[in-house]
C-alpha atoms as a PDB file:
ATOM      1  CA  MET A   1     -64.471 -43.510 -31.237  1.00  0.00           C
ATOM      2  CA  LYS A   2     -66.013 -46.667 -29.903  1.00  0.00           C
ATOM      3  CA  ARG A   3     -63.023 -47.413 -27.668  1.00  0.00           C
ATOM      4  CA  LYS A   4     -63.096 -43.846 -26.340  1.00  0.00           C
ATOM      5  CA  HIS A   5     -66.782 -44.237 -25.595  1.00  0.00           C
ATOM      6  CA  ILE A   6     -66.151 -47.448 -23.650  1.00  0.00           C
ATOM      7  CA  PHE A   7     -63.286 -45.814 -21.771  1.00  0.00           C
ATOM      8  CA  SER A   8     -65.531 -42.886 -20.856  1.00  0.00           C
ATOM      9  CA  LEU A   9     -68.155 -45.290 -19.524  1.00  0.00           C
ATOM     10  CA  ILE A  10     -65.507 -47.002 -17.400  1.00  0.00           C
ATOM     11  CA  LEU A  11     -64.477 -43.648 -15.958  1.00  0.00           C
ATOM     12  CA  ILE A  12     -68.074 -42.723 -15.193  1.00  0.00           C
ATOM     13  CA  VAL A  13     -68.758 -46.081 -13.527  1.00  0.00           C
ATOM     14  CA  GLY A  14     -65.566 -45.716 -11.519  1.00  0.00           C
ATOM     15  CA  MET A  15     -66.590 -42.247 -10.374  1.00  0.00           C
ATOM     16  CA  ILE A  16     -70.032 -43.505  -9.322  1.00  0.00           C
ATOM     17  CA  ALA A  17     -68.465 -46.385  -7.416  1.00  0.00           C
ATOM     18  CA  GLY A  18     -66.139 -43.968  -5.665  1.00  0.00           C
ATOM     19  CA  MET A  19     -69.059 -41.745  -4.714  1.00  0.00           C
ATOM     20  CA  THR A  20     -70.933 -44.727  -3.283  1.00  0.00           C
ATOM     21  CA  GLN A  21     -67.984 -45.649  -1.116  1.00  0.00           C
ATOM     22  CA  THR A  22     -67.752 -42.063   0.115  1.00  0.00           C
ATOM     23  CA  GLN A  23     -71.439 -41.984   1.024  1.00  0.00           C
ATOM     24  CA  ALA A  24     -71.099 -45.216   3.016  1.00  0.00           C
ATOM     25  CA  ALA A  25     -68.602 -43.700   5.433  1.00  0.00           C
ATOM     26  CA  ILE A  26     -68.194 -46.777   7.615  1.00  0.00           C
ATOM     27  CA  SER A  27     -69.394 -50.352   7.693  1.00  0.00           C
ATOM     28  CA  THR A  28     -72.432 -50.933   9.882  1.00  0.00           C
ATOM     29  CA  GLU A  29     -74.910 -53.755  10.291  1.00  0.00           C
ATOM     30  CA  ILE A  30     -77.537 -55.194  12.611  1.00  0.00           C
ATOM     31  CA  GLU A  31     -75.733 -57.652  14.895  1.00  0.00           C
ATOM     32  CA  PHE A  32     -78.616 -59.325  16.755  1.00  0.00           C
ATOM     33  CA  THR A  33     -80.898 -62.023  15.415  1.00  0.00           C
ATOM     34  CA  GLY A  34     -84.078 -63.914  16.261  1.00  0.00           C
ATOM     35  CA  LEU A  35     -86.076 -60.938  17.585  1.00  0.00           C
ATOM     36  CA  LYS A  36     -89.520 -59.691  16.578  1.00  0.00           C
ATOM     37  CA  ILE A  37     -89.771 -55.996  15.727  1.00  0.00           C
ATOM     38  CA  ALA A  38     -93.086 -54.202  15.155  1.00  0.00           C
ATOM     39  CA  PHE A  39     -93.713 -50.881  13.402  1.00  0.00           C
ATOM     40  CA  ASP A  40     -97.012 -49.181  14.252  1.00  0.00           C
ATOM     41  CA  LEU A  41     -98.521 -47.866  10.999  1.00  0.00           C
ATOM     42  CA  TYR A  42    -102.085 -48.027  12.294  1.00  0.00           C
ATOM     43  CA  HIS A  43    -101.963 -44.532  13.777  1.00  0.00           C
ATOM     44  CA  GLY A  44    -100.397 -42.897  10.722  1.00  0.00           C
ATOM     45  CA  GLY A  45     -97.787 -40.236  11.373  1.00  0.00           C
ATOM     46  CA  TYR A  46     -95.101 -38.633   9.270  1.00  0.00           C
ATOM     47  CA  HIS A  47     -92.497 -41.129   8.060  1.00  0.00           C
ATOM     48  CA  ALA A  48     -94.188 -44.105   9.726  1.00  0.00           C
ATOM     49  CA  ASN A  49     -94.151 -45.915   6.363  1.00  0.00           C
ATOM     50  CA  ASP A  50     -90.613 -44.854   5.443  1.00  0.00           C
ATOM     51  CA  VAL A  51     -88.811 -47.720   7.167  1.00  0.00           C
ATOM     52  CA  ASP A  52     -87.945 -50.025   4.263  1.00  0.00           C
ATOM     53  CA  ASN A  53     -84.171 -49.873   4.727  1.00  0.00           C
ATOM     54  CA  LEU A  54     -84.166 -50.529   8.470  1.00  0.00           C
ATOM     55  CA  ALA A  55     -86.765 -53.286   8.038  1.00  0.00           C
ATOM     56  CA  ALA A  56     -84.629 -54.871   5.321  1.00  0.00           C
ATOM     57  CA  ASN A  57     -81.506 -54.767   7.500  1.00  0.00           C
ATOM     58  CA  LEU A  58     -83.375 -56.239  10.459  1.00  0.00           C
ATOM     59  CA  THR A  59     -84.731 -59.039   8.279  1.00  0.00           C
ATOM     60  CA  LEU A  60     -81.351 -59.696   6.665  1.00  0.00           C
ATOM     61  CA  ALA A  61     -79.887 -60.236  10.144  1.00  0.00           C
ATOM     62  CA  GLY A  62     -82.469 -62.940  10.863  1.00  0.00           C
ATOM     63  CA  ASN A  63     -85.122 -60.975  12.719  1.00  0.00           C
ATOM     64  CA  THR A  64     -88.873 -60.884  12.068  1.00  0.00           C
ATOM     65  CA  VAL A  65     -90.452 -57.558  11.116  1.00  0.00           C
ATOM     66  CA  VAL A  66     -94.203 -57.043  11.452  1.00  0.00           C
ATOM     67  CA  TYR A  67     -96.415 -54.066  10.692  1.00  0.00           C
ATOM     68  CA  ILE A  68     -99.392 -53.091  12.838  1.00  0.00           C
ATOM     69  CA  ASN A  69    -101.498 -51.733  10.017  1.00  0.00           C
ATOM     70  CA  GLN A  70    -105.127 -52.508   9.158  1.00  0.00           C
ATOM     71  CA  SER A  71    -106.124 -53.264  12.744  1.00  0.00           C
ATOM     72  CA  TRP A  72    -104.532 -52.782  16.144  1.00  0.00           C
ATOM     73  CA  ARG A  73    -102.780 -55.838  17.555  1.00  0.00           C
ATOM     74  CA  LEU A  74     -99.670 -56.002  19.723  1.00  0.00           C
ATOM     75  CA  ASP A  75     -98.532 -59.571  20.354  1.00  0.00           C
ATOM     76  CA  ASP A  76     -96.761 -60.413  23.593  1.00  0.00           C
ATOM     77  CA  ASP A  77     -93.766 -61.897  21.764  1.00  0.00           C
ATOM     78  CA  VAL A  78     -92.856 -58.585  20.101  1.00  0.00           C
ATOM     79  CA  ASP A  79     -89.465 -57.460  21.421  1.00  0.00           C
ATOM     80  CA  VAL A  80     -89.274 -53.947  19.952  1.00  0.00           C
ATOM     81  CA  LEU A  81     -92.073 -51.502  19.107  1.00  0.00           C
ATOM     82  CA  PHE A  82     -91.554 -48.381  16.988  1.00  0.00           C
ATOM     83  CA  LEU A  83     -94.121 -45.602  17.457  1.00  0.00           C
ATOM     84  CA  THR A  84     -93.925 -42.690  15.024  1.00  0.00           C
ATOM     85  CA  GLU A  85     -95.986 -39.770  16.316  1.00  0.00           C
ATOM     86  CA  ALA A  86     -99.621 -40.300  15.303  1.00  0.00           C
ATOM     87  CA  ASP A  87    -101.631 -38.230  12.858  1.00  0.00           C
ATOM     88  CA  VAL A  88    -103.729 -35.567  14.541  1.00  0.00           C
ATOM     89  CA  GLY A  89    -106.935 -37.173  15.777  1.00  0.00           C
ATOM     90  CA  ARG A  90    -105.545 -40.719  15.601  1.00  0.00           C
ATOM     91  CA  ASP A  91    -104.145 -40.994  19.123  1.00  0.00           C
ATOM     92  CA  TRP A  92    -103.679 -44.294  20.887  1.00  0.00           C
ATOM     93  CA  SER A  93    -106.870 -45.141  22.732  1.00  0.00           C
ATOM     94  CA  ILE A  94    -106.873 -45.941  26.442  1.00  0.00           C
ATOM     95  CA  LYS A  95    -107.302 -49.624  25.646  1.00  0.00           C
ATOM     96  CA  GLN A  96    -104.345 -49.522  23.238  1.00  0.00           C
ATOM     97  CA  ILE A  97    -102.208 -47.768  25.844  1.00  0.00           C
ATOM     98  CA  VAL A  98    -103.141 -50.495  28.299  1.00  0.00           C
ATOM     99  CA  ASP A  99    -102.094 -53.079  25.704  1.00  0.00           C
ATOM    100  CA  ILE A 100     -98.720 -51.376  25.341  1.00  0.00           C
ATOM    101  CA  ALA A 101     -98.314 -51.072  29.107  1.00  0.00           C
ATOM    102  CA  PHE A 102     -98.985 -54.782  29.700  1.00  0.00           C
ATOM    103  CA  TRP A 103     -96.607 -55.661  26.861  1.00  0.00           C
ATOM    104  CA  PHE A 104     -93.937 -53.349  28.308  1.00  0.00           C
ATOM    105  CA  ALA A 105     -94.416 -54.720  31.838  1.00  0.00           C
ATOM    106  CA  GLN A 106     -93.320 -58.195  30.764  1.00  0.00           C
ATOM    107  CA  GLY A 107     -89.766 -56.863  30.902  1.00  0.00           C
ATOM    108  CA  ASP A 108     -87.024 -56.960  28.301  1.00  0.00           C
ATOM    109  CA  LYS A 109     -88.993 -54.788  25.884  1.00  0.00           C
ATOM    110  CA  LEU A 110     -87.894 -51.733  23.906  1.00  0.00           C
ATOM    111  CA  LEU A 111     -90.219 -48.951  22.821  1.00  0.00           C
ATOM    112  CA  TRP A 112     -88.823 -46.324  20.418  1.00  0.00           C
ATOM    113  CA  GLY A 113     -90.991 -43.211  20.084  1.00  0.00           C
ATOM    114  CA  ALA A 114     -90.302 -40.476  17.530  1.00  0.00           C
ATOM    115  CA  GLY A 115     -91.546 -36.887  17.403  1.00  0.00           C
ATOM    116  CA  ASP A 116     -91.689 -34.190  14.747  1.00  0.00           C
ATOM    117  CA  SER A 117     -91.636 -30.415  14.406  1.00  0.00           C
ATOM    118  CA  ASP A 118     -94.695 -28.477  15.618  1.00  0.00           C
ATOM    119  CA  TYR A 119     -94.642 -26.422  12.393  1.00  0.00           C
ATOM    120  CA  GLY A 120     -98.152 -25.729  11.086  1.00  0.00           C
ATOM    121  CA  GLY A 121     -99.889 -27.458  13.977  1.00  0.00           C
ATOM    122  CA  TYR A 122     -99.805 -30.894  12.324  1.00  0.00           C
ATOM    123  CA  TYR A 123     -98.001 -32.463  15.251  1.00  0.00           C
ATOM    124  CA  ASP A 124     -99.544 -33.364  18.580  1.00  0.00           C
ATOM    125  CA  PRO A 125     -96.979 -34.477  21.167  1.00  0.00           C
ATOM    126  CA  TYR A 126     -99.669 -35.758  23.510  1.00  0.00           C
ATOM    127  CA  ALA A 127    -100.332 -38.903  21.471  1.00  0.00           C
ATOM    128  CA  ILE A 128     -97.033 -40.608  22.309  1.00  0.00           C
ATOM    129  CA  ASN A 129     -96.762 -38.742  25.607  1.00  0.00           C
ATOM    130  CA  ASN A 130     -99.989 -40.372  26.759  1.00  0.00           C
ATOM    131  CA  VAL A 131     -98.409 -43.754  26.006  1.00  0.00           C
ATOM    132  CA  LEU A 132     -95.317 -42.754  27.973  1.00  0.00           C
ATOM    133  CA  GLU A 133     -97.479 -41.675  30.899  1.00  0.00           C
ATOM    134  CA  GLY A 134     -99.094 -45.101  30.876  1.00  0.00           C
ATOM    135  CA  LEU A 135     -95.632 -46.651  31.183  1.00  0.00           C
ATOM    136  CA  GLY A 136     -94.640 -44.425  34.096  1.00  0.00           C
ATOM    137  CA  SER A 137     -91.897 -42.825  32.010  1.00  0.00           C
ATOM    138  CA  ILE A 138     -89.978 -39.667  32.923  1.00  0.00           C
ATOM    139  CA  ILE A 139     -89.186 -38.461  29.409  1.00  0.00           C
ATOM    140  CA  ARG A 140     -91.617 -36.714  27.033  1.00  0.00           C
ATOM    141  CA  LEU A 141     -91.646 -35.236  23.536  1.00  0.00           C
ATOM    142  CA  ASP A 142     -91.854 -31.442  23.638  1.00  0.00           C
ATOM    143  CA  ALA A 143     -94.068 -29.194  21.478  1.00  0.00           C
ATOM    144  CA  THR A 144     -91.523 -27.017  19.685  1.00  0.00           C
ATOM    145  CA  SER A 145     -89.562 -26.783  16.447  1.00  0.00           C
ATOM    146  CA  ILE A 146     -85.787 -27.074  16.624  1.00  0.00           C
ATOM    147  CA  SER A 147     -83.721 -25.100  14.117  1.00  0.00           C
ATOM    148  CA  ASP A 148     -80.000 -24.587  13.609  1.00  0.00           C
ATOM    149  CA  ALA A 149     -78.689 -21.845  11.347  1.00  0.00           C
ATOM    150  CA  VAL A 150     -75.137 -23.226  11.492  1.00  0.00           C
ATOM    151  CA  TYR A 151     -75.333 -27.032  11.490  1.00  0.00           C
ATOM    152  CA  ASN A 152     -77.981 -28.148   9.014  1.00  0.00           C
ATOM    153  CA  ASP A 153     -78.457 -29.674   5.596  1.00  0.00           C
ATOM    154  CA  GLY A 154     -79.404 -26.623   3.570  1.00  0.00           C
ATOM    155  CA  ALA A 155     -82.146 -25.168   5.777  1.00  0.00           C
ATOM    156  CA  ALA A 156     -82.248 -24.331   9.459  1.00  0.00           C
ATOM    157  CA  TYR A 157     -85.137 -26.724  10.128  1.00  0.00           C
ATOM    158  CA  ARG A 158     -83.056 -29.609   8.730  1.00  0.00           C
ATOM    159  CA  ALA A 159     -81.109 -29.484  11.964  1.00  0.00           C
ATOM    160  CA  ALA A 160     -78.144 -31.659  12.834  1.00  0.00           C
ATOM    161  CA  ALA A 161     -77.732 -33.324  16.204  1.00  0.00           C
ATOM    162  CA  THR A 162     -74.000 -32.823  16.562  1.00  0.00           C
ATOM    163  CA  GLU A 163     -73.146 -33.663  20.173  1.00  0.00           C
ATOM    164  CA  PHE A 164     -72.907 -37.112  21.785  1.00  0.00           C
ATOM    165  CA  GLY A 165     -73.652 -37.226  25.478  1.00  0.00           C
ATOM    166  CA  VAL A 166     -73.311 -34.181  27.711  1.00  0.00           C
ATOM    167  CA  GLY A 167     -69.562 -34.000  28.251  1.00  0.00           C
ATOM    168  CA  ASP A 168     -69.537 -35.535  31.730  1.00  0.00           C
ATOM    169  CA  PRO A 169     -67.722 -38.907  31.912  1.00  0.00           C
ATOM    170  CA  LEU A 170     -69.678 -39.824  35.058  1.00  0.00           C
ATOM    171  CA  TYR A 171     -72.945 -39.418  33.147  1.00  0.00           C
ATOM    172  CA  ASP A 172     -71.849 -40.408  29.633  1.00  0.00           C
ATOM    173  CA  THR A 173     -71.545 -44.119  30.350  1.00  0.00           C
ATOM    174  CA  ASP A 174     -71.113 -47.095  28.022  1.00  0.00           C
ATOM    175  CA  ILE A 175     -74.294 -46.481  26.074  1.00  0.00           C
ATOM    176  CA  VAL A 176     -73.107 -43.060  24.877  1.00  0.00           C
ATOM    177  CA  GLY A 177     -69.744 -44.458  23.796  1.00  0.00           C
ATOM    178  CA  ASN A 178     -71.393 -47.281  21.921  1.00  0.00           C
ATOM    179  CA  VAL A 179     -73.910 -45.060  20.143  1.00  0.00           C
ATOM    180  CA  SER A 180     -71.155 -42.758  18.900  1.00  0.00           C
ATOM    181  CA  GLU A 181     -68.773 -45.537  17.862  1.00  0.00           C
ATOM    182  CA  GLY A 182     -67.367 -44.901  14.391  1.00  0.00           C
ATOM    183  CA  CYS A 183     -69.096 -41.519  14.066  1.00  0.00           C
ATOM    184  CA  THR A 184     -66.972 -38.502  13.164  1.00  0.00           C
ATOM    185  CA  ALA A 185     -70.057 -36.276  12.961  1.00  0.00           C
ATOM    186  CA  GLY A 186     -73.717 -36.343  13.941  1.00  0.00           C
ATOM    187  CA  ALA A 187     -76.967 -36.932  12.094  1.00  0.00           C
ATOM    188  CA  ILE A 188     -79.692 -34.898  10.436  1.00  0.00           C
ATOM    189  CA  PHE A 189     -83.025 -34.687  12.257  1.00  0.00           C
ATOM    190  CA  HIS A 190     -85.283 -33.337   9.523  1.00  0.00           C
ATOM    191  CA  GLY A 191     -87.759 -30.949  11.165  1.00  0.00           C
ATOM    192  CA  PRO A 192     -87.501 -32.190  14.762  1.00  0.00           C
ATOM    193  CA  CYS A 193     -88.787 -31.388  18.207  1.00  0.00           C
ATOM    194  CA  SER A 194     -86.849 -31.930  21.421  1.00  0.00           C
ATOM    195  CA  ILE A 195     -87.288 -33.924  24.631  1.00  0.00           C
ATOM    196  CA  VAL A 196     -88.168 -32.795  28.148  1.00  0.00           C
ATOM    197  CA  ALA A 197     -88.663 -34.481  31.517  1.00  0.00           C
ATOM    198  CA  PHE A 198     -91.848 -34.772  33.569  1.00  0.00           C
ATOM    199  CA  ASP A 199     -91.650 -35.145  37.347  1.00  0.00           C
ATOM    200  CA  GLY A 200     -95.315 -35.968  37.810  1.00  0.00           C
ATOM    201  CA  THR A 201     -96.324 -32.335  38.198  1.00  0.00           C
ATOM    202  CA  TYR A 202     -94.122 -30.130  36.023  1.00  0.00           C
ATOM    203  CA  TYR A 203     -92.252 -30.395  32.748  1.00  0.00           C
ATOM    204  CA  LYS A 204     -88.540 -29.812  33.237  1.00  0.00           C
ATOM    205  CA  ASP A 205     -85.604 -28.724  31.139  1.00  0.00           C
ATOM    206  CA  LEU A 206     -83.696 -31.945  30.465  1.00  0.00           C
ATOM    207  CA  ARG A 207     -80.456 -30.226  29.514  1.00  0.00           C
ATOM    208  CA  TYR A 208     -77.486 -31.264  31.606  1.00  0.00           C
ATOM    209  CA  GLY A 209     -77.115 -29.238  34.782  1.00  0.00           C
ATOM    210  CA  LYS A 210     -80.774 -28.269  34.803  1.00  0.00           C
ATOM    211  CA  SER A 211     -82.476 -31.624  35.234  1.00  0.00           C
ATOM    212  CA  ILE A 212     -80.833 -35.055  35.235  1.00  0.00           C
ATOM    213  CA  PHE A 213     -81.927 -38.492  36.375  1.00  0.00           C
ATOM    214  CA  PRO A 214     -78.791 -40.626  36.929  1.00  0.00           C
ATOM    215  CA  GLU A 215     -79.142 -44.376  36.413  1.00  0.00           C
ATOM    216  CA  ARG A 216     -82.548 -43.780  34.793  1.00  0.00           C
ATOM    217  CA  VAL A 217     -82.264 -41.306  31.892  1.00  0.00           C
ATOM    218  CA  TRP A 218     -79.330 -40.759  29.535  1.00  0.00           C
ATOM    219  CA  THR A 219     -79.111 -37.959  26.973  1.00  0.00           C
ATOM    220  CA  LEU A 220     -77.393 -39.705  24.063  1.00  0.00           C
ATOM    221  CA  MET A 221     -77.338 -36.805  21.585  1.00  0.00           C
ATOM    222  CA  THR A 222     -78.127 -33.096  21.609  1.00  0.00           C
ATOM    223  CA  TYR A 223     -78.538 -30.471  18.931  1.00  0.00           C
ATOM    224  CA  SER A 224     -75.643 -28.033  18.697  1.00  0.00           C
ATOM    225  CA  VAL A 225     -74.958 -25.017  20.869  1.00  0.00           C
ATOM    226  CA  ASN A 226     -76.333 -22.903  18.001  1.00  0.00           C
ATOM    227  CA  ALA A 227     -79.753 -24.578  17.981  1.00  0.00           C
ATOM    228  CA  THR A 228     -82.881 -22.581  18.766  1.00  0.00           C
ATOM    229  CA  SER A 229     -86.330 -23.714  19.873  1.00  0.00           C
ATOM    230  CA  ASP A 230     -89.477 -22.062  18.509  1.00  0.00           C
ATOM    231  CA  ASP A 231     -93.196 -22.304  19.133  1.00  0.00           C
ATOM    232  CA  SER A 232     -93.934 -22.412  15.398  1.00  0.00           C
ATOM    233  CA  ASP A 233     -97.597 -23.363  15.715  1.00  0.00           C
ATOM    234  CA  VAL A 234     -98.173 -20.530  18.217  1.00  0.00           C
ATOM    235  CA  SER A 235     -99.756 -22.942  20.677  1.00  0.00           C
ATOM    236  CA  ASP A 236    -100.623 -21.712  24.130  1.00  0.00           C
ATOM    237  CA  ASP A 237     -97.579 -23.315  25.771  1.00  0.00           C
ATOM    238  CA  TRP A 238     -99.131 -26.816  25.536  1.00  0.00           C
ATOM    239  CA  GLN A 239     -99.345 -26.817  29.340  1.00  0.00           C
ATOM    240  CA  GLY A 240     -95.572 -26.563  29.627  1.00  0.00           C
ATOM    241  CA  LEU A 241     -94.397 -28.478  26.566  1.00  0.00           C
ATOM    242  CA  ASP A 242     -93.192 -25.248  24.898  1.00  0.00           C
ATOM    243  CA  LEU A 243     -90.665 -24.998  27.720  1.00  0.00           C
ATOM    244  CA  TYR A 244     -87.578 -24.683  25.501  1.00  0.00           C
ATOM    245  CA  ALA A 245     -89.214 -22.075  23.255  1.00  0.00           C
ATOM    246  CA  ASN A 246     -89.811 -19.950  26.355  1.00  0.00           C
ATOM    247  CA  SER A 247     -86.286 -20.436  27.702  1.00  0.00           C
ATOM    248  CA  THR A 248     -83.728 -17.628  27.556  1.00  0.00           C
ATOM    249  CA  THR A 249     -80.926 -20.169  27.044  1.00  0.00           C
ATOM    250  CA  ASN A 250     -80.471 -21.609  23.555  1.00  0.00           C
ATOM    251  CA  GLY A 251     -78.673 -24.706  22.336  1.00  0.00           C
ATOM    252  CA  LEU A 252     -77.906 -28.265  23.389  1.00  0.00           C
ATOM    253  CA  TYR A 253     -81.532 -29.402  23.470  1.00  0.00           C
ATOM    254  CA  PRO A 254     -81.840 -33.186  23.806  1.00  0.00           C
ATOM    255  CA  ALA A 255     -82.328 -34.925  20.455  1.00  0.00           C
ATOM    256  CA  LEU A 256     -81.979 -38.612  21.371  1.00  0.00           C
ATOM    257  CA  VAL A 257     -82.693 -39.850  24.904  1.00  0.00           C
ATOM    258  CA  TYR A 258     -82.726 -43.296  26.509  1.00  0.00           C
ATOM    259  CA  GLU A 259     -84.625 -44.293  29.643  1.00  0.00           C
ATOM    260  CA  HIS A 260     -84.346 -47.544  31.566  1.00  0.00           C
ATOM    261  CA  SER A 261     -87.622 -48.396  33.258  1.00  0.00           C
ATOM    262  CA  LEU A 262     -86.416 -49.801  36.551  1.00  0.00           C
ATOM    263  CA  THR A 263     -89.893 -50.971  37.557  1.00  0.00           C
ATOM    264  CA  TYR A 264     -90.279 -53.337  34.613  1.00  0.00           C
ATOM    265  CA  ASP A 265     -86.685 -53.699  33.392  1.00  0.00           C
ATOM    266  CA  SER A 266     -87.759 -52.491  29.970  1.00  0.00           C
ATOM    267  CA  HIS A 267     -86.387 -49.688  27.818  1.00  0.00           C
ATOM    268  CA  ILE A 268     -87.510 -46.479  26.099  1.00  0.00           C
ATOM    269  CA  VAL A 269     -85.808 -44.465  23.368  1.00  0.00           C
ATOM    270  CA  LEU A 270     -87.171 -41.064  22.331  1.00  0.00           C
ATOM    271  CA  SER A 271     -85.913 -39.145  19.307  1.00  0.00           C
ATOM    272  CA  GLY A 272     -86.983 -35.691  18.176  1.00  0.00           C
ATOM    273  CA  GLU A 273     -87.512 -37.089  14.705  1.00  0.00           C
ATOM    274  CA  ALA A 274     -87.892 -40.538  13.157  1.00  0.00           C
ATOM    275  CA  ILE A 275     -84.212 -40.928  12.364  1.00  0.00           C
ATOM    276  CA  TYR A 276     -84.761 -44.637  11.707  1.00  0.00           C
ATOM    277  CA  SER A 277     -86.794 -43.703   8.606  1.00  0.00           C
ATOM    278  CA  ASP A 278     -85.630 -43.344   4.995  1.00  0.00           C
ATOM    279  CA  TYR A 279     -87.159 -39.876   4.767  1.00  0.00           C
ATOM    280  CA  LYS A 280     -84.572 -37.351   3.570  1.00  0.00           C
ATOM    281  CA  TYR A 281     -81.875 -40.044   4.043  1.00  0.00           C
ATOM    282  CA  MET A 282     -82.090 -39.886   7.845  1.00  0.00           C
ATOM    283  CA  TYR A 283     -81.377 -43.620   8.129  1.00  0.00           C
ATOM    284  CA  ASP A 284     -78.365 -43.406   5.842  1.00  0.00           C
ATOM    285  CA  GLN A 285     -74.790 -42.184   5.680  1.00  0.00           C
ATOM    286  CA  LYS A 286     -75.429 -39.352   3.259  1.00  0.00           C
ATOM    287  CA  THR A 287     -77.534 -36.208   3.325  1.00  0.00           C
ATOM    288  CA  GLU A 288     -80.048 -34.963   0.811  1.00  0.00           C
ATOM    289  CA  ASN A 289     -78.310 -31.686  -0.027  1.00  0.00           C
ATOM    290  CA  GLY A 290     -74.688 -32.465   0.806  1.00  0.00           C
ATOM    291  CA  VAL A 291     -74.340 -29.434   3.066  1.00  0.00           C
ATOM    292  CA  TYR A 292     -73.794 -30.891   6.530  1.00  0.00           C
ATOM    293  CA  ASN A 293     -70.335 -32.417   6.993  1.00  0.00           C
ATOM    294  CA  ASN A 294     -69.733 -32.433   3.219  1.00  0.00           C
ATOM    295  CA  GLY A 295     -72.711 -34.713   2.713  1.00  0.00           C
ATOM    296  CA  THR A 296     -71.780 -37.424   5.222  1.00  0.00           C
ATOM    297  CA  ALA A 297     -74.027 -38.044   8.221  1.00  0.00           C
ATOM    298  CA  PHE A 298     -74.328 -41.003  10.564  1.00  0.00           C
ATOM    299  CA  GLY A 299     -78.027 -41.580  11.189  1.00  0.00           C
ATOM    300  CA  GLN A 300     -77.861 -45.188  10.034  1.00  0.00           C
ATOM    301  CA  VAL A 301     -74.804 -45.892  12.148  1.00  0.00           C
ATOM    302  CA  ILE A 302     -76.308 -44.282  15.238  1.00  0.00           C
ATOM    303  CA  VAL A 303     -79.566 -46.240  14.959  1.00  0.00           C
ATOM    304  CA  ASN A 304     -77.715 -49.520  14.371  1.00  0.00           C
ATOM    305  CA  ASN A 305     -75.273 -48.822  17.206  1.00  0.00           C
ATOM    306  CA  LEU A 306     -78.079 -48.091  19.659  1.00  0.00           C
ATOM    307  CA  LEU A 307     -80.131 -51.151  18.728  1.00  0.00           C
ATOM    308  CA  ASN A 308     -77.034 -53.355  18.815  1.00  0.00           C
ATOM    309  CA  PHE A 309     -76.129 -52.079  22.288  1.00  0.00           C
ATOM    310  CA  LEU A 310     -79.595 -52.615  23.750  1.00  0.00           C
ATOM    311  CA  LEU A 311     -80.467 -55.888  21.982  1.00  0.00           C
ATOM    312  CA  PRO A 312     -80.798 -58.721  22.663  1.00  0.00           C
ATOM    313  CA  PHE A 313     -81.788 -58.271  26.280  1.00  0.00           C
ATOM    314  CA  PRO A 314     -80.265 -60.421  29.045  1.00  0.00           C
ATOM    315  CA  GLU A 315     -81.963 -63.739  29.725  1.00  0.00           C
ATOM    316  CA  ASP A 316     -82.912 -62.795  33.293  1.00  0.00           C
ATOM    317  CA  VAL A 317     -86.144 -60.827  33.479  1.00  0.00           C
ATOM    318  CA  GLY A 318     -85.398 -59.245  36.831  1.00  0.00           C
ATOM    319  CA  THR A 319     -87.039 -59.470  40.208  1.00  0.00           C
ATOM    320  CA  GLU A 320     -89.404 -56.504  40.045  1.00  0.00           C
ATOM    321  CA  ASP A 321     -93.106 -57.156  40.616  1.00  0.00           C
ATOM    322  CA  THR A 322     -94.943 -56.895  37.272  1.00  0.00           C
ATOM    323  CA  SER A 323     -98.254 -58.239  38.514  1.00  0.00           C
ATOM    324  CA  PHE A 324    -101.574 -56.513  38.008  1.00  0.00           C
ATOM    325  CA  PHE A 325    -101.286 -54.451  41.197  1.00  0.00           C
ATOM    326  CA  ALA A 326     -97.805 -53.216  40.252  1.00  0.00           C
ATOM    327  CA  LEU A 327     -99.144 -51.476  37.136  1.00  0.00           C
ATOM    328  CA  ILE A 328     -99.979 -48.223  38.879  1.00  0.00           C
ATOM    329  CA  PRO A 329     -99.728 -46.014  35.735  1.00  0.00           C
ATOM    330  CA  VAL A 330    -102.072 -48.387  33.899  1.00  0.00           C
ATOM    331  CA  VAL A 331    -104.612 -48.477  36.706  1.00  0.00           C
ATOM    332  CA  ALA A 332    -104.713 -44.686  36.613  1.00  0.00           C
ATOM    333  CA  LEU A 333    -105.771 -44.853  32.962  1.00  0.00           C
ATOM    334  CA  GLY A 334    -108.945 -46.783  33.706  1.00  0.00           C
ATOM    335  CA  VAL A 335    -109.424 -49.998  35.630  1.00  0.00           C
ATOM    336  CA  ILE A 336    -112.175 -51.214  33.344  1.00  0.00           C
ATOM    337  CA  TYR A 337    -109.787 -51.501  30.389  1.00  0.00           C
ATOM    338  CA  VAL A 338    -107.286 -53.454  32.450  1.00  0.00           C
ATOM    339  CA  VAL A 339    -109.937 -55.931  33.556  1.00  0.00           C
ATOM    340  CA  MET A 340    -111.342 -56.385  30.056  1.00  0.00           C
ATOM    341  CA  ARG A 341    -107.976 -56.825  28.382  1.00  0.00           C
ATOM    342  CA  LYS A 342    -107.608 -60.419  27.149  1.00  0.00           C
ATOM    343  CA  ARG A 343    -104.155 -61.904  27.262  1.00  0.00           C
ATOM    344  CA  LYS A 344    -103.029 -63.143  23.870  1.00  0.00           C
END
């Protein structure tokens, strides 16, 4: 009996090991080293604290991870800043936006902003969008909830982003190929919003063929053709940010978008959800319920691929003017805060 018991344990251990190998579909790791990455926890936000696995992988690769937590401080030597959409009422102040804008204007910086679903009215897209406005960005988080009744992980709001790029080889350049490398499926965006464009006056549909910005904005991933966009919090159109919910055309809403700020030679990534977080296994190679793609998703791979492609930045900063008078978006936010800002 004892030998049978031991043999049974061996079988069980072997099965568990096999399952682990299945869940880790491909090998992936952080390839850059020596950078400083900051996570903003000061403004709260869903999943802002759920970054242990990414932080561990960044640290293991030889990078420094810092958390902006008890008080607001953004050091100039930070290379990457993650902003998870703030709690309602805890927006970035004008002075903090100015801090971010001056940091960004140094060049060779990456800001990753993440949204959430508008369900229940607990999500305010204007918090991060105000930061993006201060940077002179084109892309914005929208104010809807994305659902997919076909591609999901057990519920329509656990939507999968299934498509890489937009299907145009002239537009889907190296960054799209690198982000999708090794991926045989997409990733779960648990309760996401989508991404729109802003031309300075109007919000625009960012789906390919409707509104594109070559050499400036790249749609890296979209939700599937079956995806729908809803105004779940019944907001009054959020001044145009419910654009997709009011559209007669469903599907292929942008889920992950990259923008190269040509003025400052810095970089912006927007995702409809914080797919770099551990929440519901988004930064992983498995899913919570095992429904999508037989339980294998590639959120971890996609995040690693994107960071590895963008980082480290080239040594040359560029020739653009990043002086005080070049910071037009910042000046528009309030000259007094620019003047008072002390360089660290």
